[in-house]
Amino acid sequence: MINYRFLIAYDGSRYYGWQRQPGQETIQGKLENVLSRMCGREVEVIGAGRTDGGVHAEGMTANANLETELTAEQIRDYLNRYLPDDIAVREVREASPRFHARYNATGKTYRYTCFDGEVKPVFDRKYYTRLEERPDMELMCRAAELLKGEHDFRNFCVNPRMKKSTVRCVDRIEINRDGGYLRFTIHGTGFLQNMVRIMVGTLLEIGYGRMTEDQMKAALEAPDRQKAGPTAPAQGLCLVSVDYD
């Protein structure tokens, strides 16, 4: 048995997220089905995280222990031959026996894309969220600075019964405009369920003038989930990359 490391890209539009679910189409489920057929035995694929339904990825990392005579390149080619067109394995290589895609991850970068231009782009419509009004960039950038650093993000998590620590460190938030596109790039040591989408939703509320910086700061301390902004739609979110030492 050899532990292999995978770099995966996918369009999450028609999937119920990464994690396998009975009776549902998921990214993990598709990968495991193809690898199990290739190896002639059941294979478990471990992902660096569990992206939600509708969320995309350019650089998801995963690993799996395989018993096969195929080379890493042949495994990649086999996967890409039998996976659906909206999932691509960009790279396969041998990893150390102890490598674990989730537990060894030291950071992640997400990008959230919005569009507020006059004419909506047709051909990438599944990969951005359409805004009905143009938010104030200066207000959002100033508020983003307050979200950086180590905080308890329990109110930026969709799961109210989270038992593990909800403290996370966000060290980079960049907000850039390119014509009608507005992109939020966020890097941190790890993220809670829906955390990035709630952060973006909160920053947009501030950009619209419907929420103040003081209200956002209170959301970092208040026990009530409603103190933070709304959860931005899934389709604008993409996992860009996962960091490892």
Protein backbone atom coordinates (compact mmCIF):
# COMPACT_ATOMS: atom_id res chain seq x y z
CA MET A 1 0.00 0.00 0.00
CA ILE A 2 1.31 3.42 -0.96
CA ASN A 3 -0.07 6.72 0.29
CA TYR A 4 -0.76 9.02 -2.68
CA ARG A 5 -1.37 12.75 -2.63
CA PHE A 6 -3.82 14.31 -5.11
CA LEU A 7 -4.34 17.87 -6.32
CA ILE A 8 -7.93 18.24 -7.51
CA ALA A 9 -10.01 20.88 -9.27
CA TYR A 10 -13.79 20.77 -9.54
CA ASP A 11 -16.90 22.69 -10.46
CA GLY A 12 -19.14 22.13 -7.45
CA SER A 13 -22.34 23.41 -9.08
CA ARG A 14 -24.15 20.08 -9.26
CA TYR A 15 -22.68 18.41 -6.18
CA TYR A 16 -23.78 18.24 -2.56
CA GLY A 17 -20.32 19.26 -1.44
CA TRP A 18 -17.12 17.30 -0.91
CA GLN A 19 -18.16 14.78 1.74
CA ARG A 20 -19.78 11.52 0.69
CA GLN A 21 -23.50 11.29 1.48
CA PRO A 22 -25.80 8.34 0.88
CA GLY A 23 -27.82 8.82 -2.28
CA GLN A 24 -26.17 12.15 -3.18
CA GLU A 25 -23.60 13.18 -5.76
CA THR A 26 -20.42 14.36 -3.99
CA ILE A 27 -16.81 14.95 -4.99
CA GLN A 28 -15.40 12.49 -2.47
CA GLY A 29 -17.93 9.89 -3.56
CA LYS A 30 -16.98 10.21 -7.24
CA LEU A 31 -13.26 9.92 -6.50
CA GLU A 32 -13.74 6.89 -4.24
CA ASN A 33 -15.91 5.11 -6.79
CA VAL A 34 -13.31 5.45 -9.55
CA LEU A 35 -10.34 4.56 -7.33
CA SER A 36 -12.17 1.56 -5.86
CA ARG A 37 -12.86 0.28 -9.36
CA MET A 38 -9.22 0.83 -10.32
CA CYS A 39 -7.86 -1.04 -7.29
CA GLY A 40 -10.54 -3.73 -7.06
CA ARG A 41 -11.19 -2.89 -3.42
CA GLU A 42 -12.85 -0.16 -1.39
CA VAL A 43 -10.76 3.02 -1.19
CA GLU A 44 -11.19 5.94 1.22
CA VAL A 45 -10.19 9.40 0.00
CA ILE A 46 -9.31 11.98 2.67
CA GLY A 47 -9.77 15.62 1.71
CA ALA A 48 -8.16 18.71 3.19
CA GLY A 49 -11.61 20.06 3.98
CA ARG A 50 -15.31 19.66 3.32
CA THR A 51 -16.46 22.25 0.84
CA ASP A 52 -20.22 22.83 0.89
CA GLY A 53 -22.66 22.10 -1.91
CA GLY A 54 -22.14 24.44 -4.84
CA VAL A 55 -18.63 25.51 -3.78
CA HIS A 56 -15.79 25.10 -6.29
CA ALA A 57 -12.08 24.28 -5.98
CA GLU A 58 -8.97 24.99 -7.99
CA GLY A 59 -6.59 23.26 -5.60
CA MET A 60 -8.18 20.79 -3.19
CA THR A 61 -5.62 18.39 -1.71
CA ALA A 62 -6.51 14.81 -0.82
CA ASN A 63 -4.77 11.53 -0.05
CA ALA A 64 -5.56 7.84 -0.28
CA ASN A 65 -3.74 4.57 0.37
CA LEU A 66 -3.72 2.51 -2.81
CA GLU A 67 -2.56 -0.96 -3.79
CA THR A 68 -1.86 -0.77 -7.52
CA GLU A 69 0.88 -1.41 -10.06
CA LEU A 70 0.10 1.83 -11.89
CA THR A 71 2.49 4.77 -11.70
CA ALA A 72 1.39 8.08 -10.23
CA GLU A 73 0.97 9.51 -13.74
CA GLN A 74 -1.09 6.49 -14.82
CA ILE A 75 -3.31 6.87 -11.75
CA ARG A 76 -3.89 10.51 -12.69
CA ASP A 77 -4.75 9.56 -16.26
CA TYR A 78 -7.08 6.76 -15.14
CA LEU A 79 -8.96 9.13 -12.84
CA ASN A 80 -9.32 11.80 -15.50
CA ARG A 81 -10.55 9.22 -18.00
CA TYR A 82 -13.40 8.00 -15.79
CA LEU A 83 -14.28 11.02 -13.64
CA PRO A 84 -17.02 13.35 -14.94
CA ASP A 85 -15.91 16.42 -16.87
CA ASP A 86 -16.48 18.76 -13.93
CA ILE A 87 -13.80 17.04 -11.79
CA ALA A 88 -10.12 16.97 -12.77
CA VAL A 89 -7.13 15.49 -10.97
CA ARG A 90 -4.29 17.89 -11.70
CA GLU A 91 -1.50 15.92 -10.03
CA VAL A 92 -0.84 12.60 -8.31
CA ARG A 93 2.36 11.84 -6.43
CA GLU A 94 3.60 9.52 -3.71
CA ALA A 95 3.44 10.92 -0.19
CA SER A 96 4.93 9.81 3.09
CA PRO A 97 2.96 7.08 4.88
CA ARG A 98 2.03 9.57 7.60
CA PHE A 99 0.76 12.33 5.29
CA HIS A 100 -2.85 13.27 6.05
CA ALA A 101 -4.48 15.86 3.79
CA ARG A 102 -6.67 17.26 6.55
CA TYR A 103 -4.56 17.04 9.71
CA ASN A 104 -1.31 18.18 8.08
CA ALA A 105 -2.84 21.27 6.44
CA THR A 106 -1.43 24.53 7.87
CA GLY A 107 -3.51 27.04 5.93
CA LYS A 108 -6.05 27.59 3.15
CA THR A 109 -6.77 30.29 0.61
CA TYR A 110 -10.31 30.98 -0.57
CA ARG A 111 -11.52 33.39 -3.22
CA TYR A 112 -15.05 34.76 -3.35
CA THR A 113 -16.15 36.40 -6.61
CA CYS A 114 -18.98 38.89 -7.08
CA PHE A 115 -20.14 40.89 -10.08
CA ASP A 116 -21.84 44.29 -9.98
CA GLY A 117 -21.23 45.54 -13.54
CA GLU A 118 -23.90 46.73 -15.94
CA VAL A 119 -23.93 43.68 -18.24
CA LYS A 120 -23.80 40.27 -16.60
CA PRO A 121 -21.15 37.83 -17.91
CA VAL A 122 -22.86 34.81 -19.41
CA PHE A 123 -20.13 32.19 -19.68
CA ASP A 124 -18.89 32.23 -16.07
CA ARG A 125 -22.32 32.75 -14.52
CA LYS A 126 -21.89 29.69 -12.26
CA TYR A 127 -18.76 31.10 -10.61
CA TYR A 128 -19.81 34.49 -9.26
CA THR A 129 -22.58 36.05 -7.20
CA ARG A 130 -24.51 38.87 -8.87
CA LEU A 131 -24.84 42.01 -6.71
CA GLU A 132 -27.78 44.34 -7.25
CA GLU A 133 -25.85 47.39 -6.05
CA ARG A 134 -22.22 48.48 -5.85
CA PRO A 135 -20.70 48.29 -2.33
CA ASP A 136 -18.25 50.86 -0.94
CA MET A 137 -14.73 49.41 -1.29
CA GLU A 138 -13.18 51.73 1.31
CA LEU A 139 -15.69 50.73 3.98
CA MET A 140 -15.19 47.02 3.28
CA CYS A 141 -11.39 47.21 3.26
CA ARG A 142 -11.36 49.05 6.56
CA ALA A 143 -13.74 46.53 8.14
CA ALA A 144 -11.69 43.62 6.76
CA GLU A 145 -8.72 44.76 8.84
CA LEU A 146 -10.80 44.16 11.99
CA LEU A 147 -11.44 40.54 10.99
CA LYS A 148 -7.75 39.80 10.60
CA GLY A 149 -5.89 38.13 13.44
CA GLU A 150 -6.94 35.46 15.91
CA HIS A 151 -10.59 35.63 16.97
CA ASP A 152 -13.38 33.40 18.18
CA PHE A 153 -15.43 33.14 14.99
CA ARG A 154 -18.31 31.18 16.52
CA ASN A 155 -20.80 33.77 15.21
CA PHE A 156 -19.35 33.38 11.72
CA CYS A 157 -20.19 29.67 11.69
CA VAL A 158 -23.46 28.15 10.47
CA ASN A 159 -23.26 25.29 13.01
CA PRO A 160 -24.61 26.54 16.39
CA ARG A 161 -23.70 23.26 18.11
CA MET A 162 -20.00 23.34 17.23
CA LYS A 163 -18.24 21.42 20.02
CA LYS A 164 -14.63 22.01 19.00
CA SER A 165 -12.78 25.29 19.36
CA THR A 166 -14.11 28.06 17.12
CA VAL A 167 -10.95 30.16 17.44
CA ARG A 168 -9.28 30.73 14.08
CA CYS A 169 -6.52 32.97 12.71
CA VAL A 170 -7.14 34.92 9.52
CA ASP A 171 -3.92 36.58 8.34
CA ARG A 172 -4.88 37.96 4.93
CA ILE A 173 -8.00 39.54 3.45
CA GLU A 174 -7.65 41.28 0.11
CA ILE A 175 -10.53 42.94 -1.75
CA ASN A 176 -9.85 43.80 -5.37
CA ARG A 177 -11.92 45.18 -8.20
CA ASP A 178 -11.43 44.29 -11.86
CA GLY A 179 -14.08 46.06 -13.93
CA GLY A 180 -17.40 44.71 -12.75
CA TYR A 181 -15.79 41.86 -10.80
CA LEU A 182 -15.22 42.14 -7.07
CA ARG A 183 -12.97 39.50 -5.54
CA PHE A 184 -12.34 38.69 -1.87
CA THR A 185 -9.18 36.64 -1.25
CA ILE A 186 -8.97 35.24 2.28
CA HIS A 187 -6.18 33.19 3.85
CA GLY A 188 -6.15 31.64 7.29
CA THR A 189 -5.01 28.65 9.32
CA GLY A 190 -8.43 27.08 9.00
CA PHE A 191 -12.10 27.94 8.59
CA LEU A 192 -15.39 26.96 10.22
CA GLN A 193 -18.45 25.80 8.28
CA ASN A 194 -19.65 28.69 6.06
CA MET A 195 -17.16 31.03 7.79
CA VAL A 196 -15.79 32.58 4.59
CA ARG A 197 -19.26 33.08 3.14
CA ILE A 198 -20.49 34.75 6.33
CA MET A 199 -17.40 36.99 6.41
CA VAL A 200 -18.08 38.06 2.82
CA GLY A 201 -21.78 38.56 3.53
CA THR A 202 -20.90 40.73 6.53
CA LEU A 203 -18.37 42.82 4.59
CA LEU A 204 -20.91 43.38 1.82
CA GLU A 205 -23.49 44.57 4.37
CA ILE A 206 -20.92 47.10 5.60
CA GLY A 207 -20.19 48.10 2.02
CA TYR A 208 -23.91 48.75 1.48
CA GLY A 209 -24.11 50.85 4.64
CA ARG A 210 -26.55 48.42 6.24
CA MET A 211 -24.09 47.42 8.98
CA THR A 212 -21.39 49.32 10.86
CA GLU A 213 -17.86 48.37 11.91
CA ASP A 214 -18.99 48.48 15.55
CA GLN A 215 -21.77 46.01 14.80
CA MET A 216 -19.28 43.68 13.12
CA LYS A 217 -16.91 43.91 16.08
CA ALA A 218 -19.83 43.03 18.35
CA ALA A 219 -20.46 39.98 16.20
CA LEU A 220 -16.99 38.70 17.12
CA GLU A 221 -18.03 38.73 20.78
CA ALA A 222 -21.80 38.20 20.90
CA PRO A 223 -23.30 34.72 21.49
CA ASP A 224 -26.08 35.38 18.96
CA ARG A 225 -25.42 34.17 15.38
CA GLN A 226 -27.74 36.87 14.03
CA LYS A 227 -25.21 39.54 15.01
CA ALA A 228 -23.10 38.71 11.94
CA GLY A 229 -24.15 39.35 8.34
CA PRO A 230 -25.91 36.94 5.99
CA THR A 231 -24.27 33.92 4.39
CA ALA A 232 -23.17 34.75 0.83
CA PRO A 233 -24.33 32.24 -1.84
CA ALA A 234 -22.16 29.17 -2.42
CA GLN A 235 -21.52 29.64 -6.15
CA GLY A 236 -19.15 32.57 -5.68
CA LEU A 237 -16.75 30.63 -3.45
CA CYS A 238 -13.66 28.72 -4.61
CA LEU A 239 -10.97 26.93 -2.63
CA VAL A 240 -7.77 28.17 -4.28
CA SER A 241 -5.07 26.24 -2.42
CA VAL A 242 -4.11 24.36 0.74
CA ASP A 243 -0.81 24.95 2.55
CA TYR A 244 1.51 22.31 3.98
CA ASP A 245 4.89 22.59 5.71
